[in-house]
C-alpha atoms as a PDB file:
ATOM      1  CA  MET A   1     113.961 135.101 156.411  1.00  0.00           C
ATOM      2  CA  ASN A   2     113.422 136.158 160.038  1.00  0.00           C
ATOM      3  CA  ALA A   3     115.687 139.192 159.425  1.00  0.00           C
ATOM      4  CA  MET A   4     113.308 140.449 156.766  1.00  0.00           C
ATOM      5  CA  VAL A   5     110.215 139.859 158.975  1.00  0.00           C
ATOM      6  CA  ASN A   6     111.794 141.591 161.963  1.00  0.00           C
ATOM      7  CA  ASN A   7     113.248 144.392 159.789  1.00  0.00           C
ATOM      8  CA  ASN A   8     116.791 143.530 160.826  1.00  0.00           C
ATOM      9  CA  ASP A   9     119.950 144.006 158.754  1.00  0.00           C
ATOM     10  CA  TRP A  10     121.949 140.817 158.534  1.00  0.00           C
ATOM     11  CA  THR A  11     125.530 140.586 157.016  1.00  0.00           C
ATOM     12  CA  SER A  12     127.835 137.662 156.667  1.00  0.00           C
ATOM     13  CA  ILE A  13     130.494 137.171 159.267  1.00  0.00           C
ATOM     14  CA  LYS A  14     133.903 137.801 157.734  1.00  0.00           C
ATOM     15  CA  ASN A  15     137.421 137.283 159.064  1.00  0.00           C
ATOM     16  CA  CYS A  16     136.185 134.739 161.665  1.00  0.00           C
ATOM     17  CA  TYR A  17     138.776 132.446 163.183  1.00  0.00           C
ATOM     18  CA  ILE A  18     138.013 129.438 165.421  1.00  0.00           C
ATOM     19  CA  TYR A  19     140.938 128.162 167.459  1.00  0.00           C
ATOM     20  CA  ASP A  20     142.070 126.693 170.786  1.00  0.00           C
ATOM     21  CA  ILE A  21     139.562 123.874 170.258  1.00  0.00           C
ATOM     22  CA  THR A  22     139.169 121.275 173.098  1.00  0.00           C
ATOM     23  CA  SER A  23     136.370 118.706 173.752  1.00  0.00           C
ATOM     24  CA  SER A  24     134.336 121.248 175.704  1.00  0.00           C
ATOM     25  CA  SER A  25     135.518 124.724 174.661  1.00  0.00           C
ATOM     26  CA  VAL A  26     136.682 126.854 171.709  1.00  0.00           C
ATOM     27  CA  LYS A  27     137.655 130.460 171.048  1.00  0.00           C
ATOM     28  CA  VAL A  28     136.124 132.514 168.292  1.00  0.00           C
ATOM     29  CA  SER A  29     137.793 135.745 166.974  1.00  0.00           C
ATOM     30  CA  ILE A  30     136.013 138.098 164.617  1.00  0.00           C
ATOM     31  CA  GLU A  31     137.553 141.155 163.185  1.00  0.00           C
ATOM     32  CA  ILE A  32     135.450 144.297 163.608  1.00  0.00           C
ATOM     33  CA  GLU A  33     136.267 147.951 163.018  1.00  0.00           C
ATOM     34  CA  VAL A  34     134.303 149.434 166.015  1.00  0.00           C
ATOM     35  CA  ASP A  35     133.083 147.747 169.171  1.00  0.00           C
ATOM     36  CA  LYS A  36     129.312 147.516 169.021  1.00  0.00           C
ATOM     37  CA  GLU A  37     129.044 145.366 172.151  1.00  0.00           C
ATOM     38  CA  GLY A  38     128.341 142.249 170.185  1.00  0.00           C
ATOM     39  CA  ILE A  39     126.763 139.166 171.808  1.00  0.00           C
ATOM     40  CA  LEU A  40     127.294 135.716 170.330  1.00  0.00           C
ATOM     41  CA  TYR A  41     124.233 133.448 170.419  1.00  0.00           C
ATOM     42  CA  LEU A  42     124.948 129.716 170.206  1.00  0.00           C
ATOM     43  CA  GLY A  43     122.741 126.659 169.716  1.00  0.00           C
ATOM     44  CA  THR A  44     122.441 123.168 168.141  1.00  0.00           C
ATOM     45  CA  SER A  45     119.822 124.386 165.687  1.00  0.00           C
ATOM     46  CA  LYS A  46     119.989 127.160 163.184  1.00  0.00           C
ATOM     47  CA  TYR A  47     116.555 128.147 164.386  1.00  0.00           C
ATOM     48  CA  TYR A  48     117.222 128.038 168.167  1.00  0.00           C
ATOM     49  CA  MET A  49     120.344 129.791 169.506  1.00  0.00           C
ATOM     50  CA  THR A  50     119.774 130.899 173.097  1.00  0.00           C
ATOM     51  CA  LYS A  51     123.083 130.542 174.878  1.00  0.00           C
ATOM     52  CA  GLU A  52     124.708 133.979 175.166  1.00  0.00           C
ATOM     53  CA  TYR A  53     128.456 134.788 175.169  1.00  0.00           C
ATOM     54  CA  TYR A  54     130.023 138.185 175.730  1.00  0.00           C
ATOM     55  CA  PRO A  55     133.349 139.057 174.127  1.00  0.00           C
ATOM     56  CA  VAL A  56     136.453 140.800 175.027  1.00  0.00           C
ATOM     57  CA  PHE A  57     137.066 143.533 172.451  1.00  0.00           C
ATOM     58  CA  SER A  58     140.784 143.964 171.803  1.00  0.00           C
ATOM     59  CA  GLU A  59     142.847 145.268 168.899  1.00  0.00           C
ATOM     60  CA  GLY A  60     140.002 145.497 166.459  1.00  0.00           C
ATOM     61  CA  LYS A  61     138.356 142.197 167.129  1.00  0.00           C
ATOM     62  CA  TYR A  62     135.886 140.406 169.303  1.00  0.00           C
ATOM     63  CA  ILE A  63     137.249 137.361 171.161  1.00  0.00           C
ATOM     64  CA  PHE A  64     134.623 134.910 172.441  1.00  0.00           C
ATOM     65  CA  THR A  65     135.413 131.929 174.666  1.00  0.00           C
ATOM     66  CA  LEU A  66     132.672 129.319 174.244  1.00  0.00           C
ATOM     67  CA  THR A  67     132.570 126.813 177.138  1.00  0.00           C
ATOM     68  CA  GLU A  68     130.445 123.861 178.248  1.00  0.00           C
ATOM     69  CA  LEU A  69     130.219 122.401 174.716  1.00  0.00           C
ATOM     70  CA  ASP A  70     129.406 118.749 173.987  1.00  0.00           C
ATOM     71  CA  PRO A  71     131.815 116.755 171.856  1.00  0.00           C
ATOM     72  CA  ASN A  72     130.685 115.609 168.411  1.00  0.00           C
ATOM     73  CA  THR A  73     127.888 118.205 168.356  1.00  0.00           C
ATOM     74  CA  LYS A  74     127.286 120.627 165.506  1.00  0.00           C
ATOM     75  CA  TYR A  75     126.694 124.224 166.692  1.00  0.00           C
ATOM     76  CA  PHE A  76     125.303 127.290 164.978  1.00  0.00           C
ATOM     77  CA  PHE A  77     125.936 130.888 166.007  1.00  0.00           C
ATOM     78  CA  TYR A  78     125.237 134.458 165.140  1.00  0.00           C
ATOM     79  CA  ILE A  79     126.415 137.876 166.489  1.00  0.00           C
ATOM     80  CA  LYS A  80     123.970 140.518 167.537  1.00  0.00           C
ATOM     81  CA  ASN A  81     125.435 144.016 167.849  1.00  0.00           C
ATOM     82  CA  VAL A  82     123.846 146.029 170.749  1.00  0.00           C
ATOM     83  CA  TYR A  83     124.849 149.369 169.200  1.00  0.00           C
ATOM     84  CA  THR A  84     124.113 149.688 165.507  1.00  0.00           C
ATOM     85  CA  THR A  85     125.159 153.354 164.988  1.00  0.00           C
END
């Protein structure tokens, strides 16, 4: 809904892999054709995701290392690409 209001283009995240899970960290890998300097926004509500993570871009994918996570907590995230063209 907010995407329509703000005139943003939203697409589903595909080829997303979550791995190296510990009680306070996790890695997220997302396949992408071209580096658009994506930023991962994380939060405990789908309406409020303010913590920013910057990826390493390698071999056609973003790799994010998310740290300082709380155990037994549900998290939501989205990726914002800085460059859209």
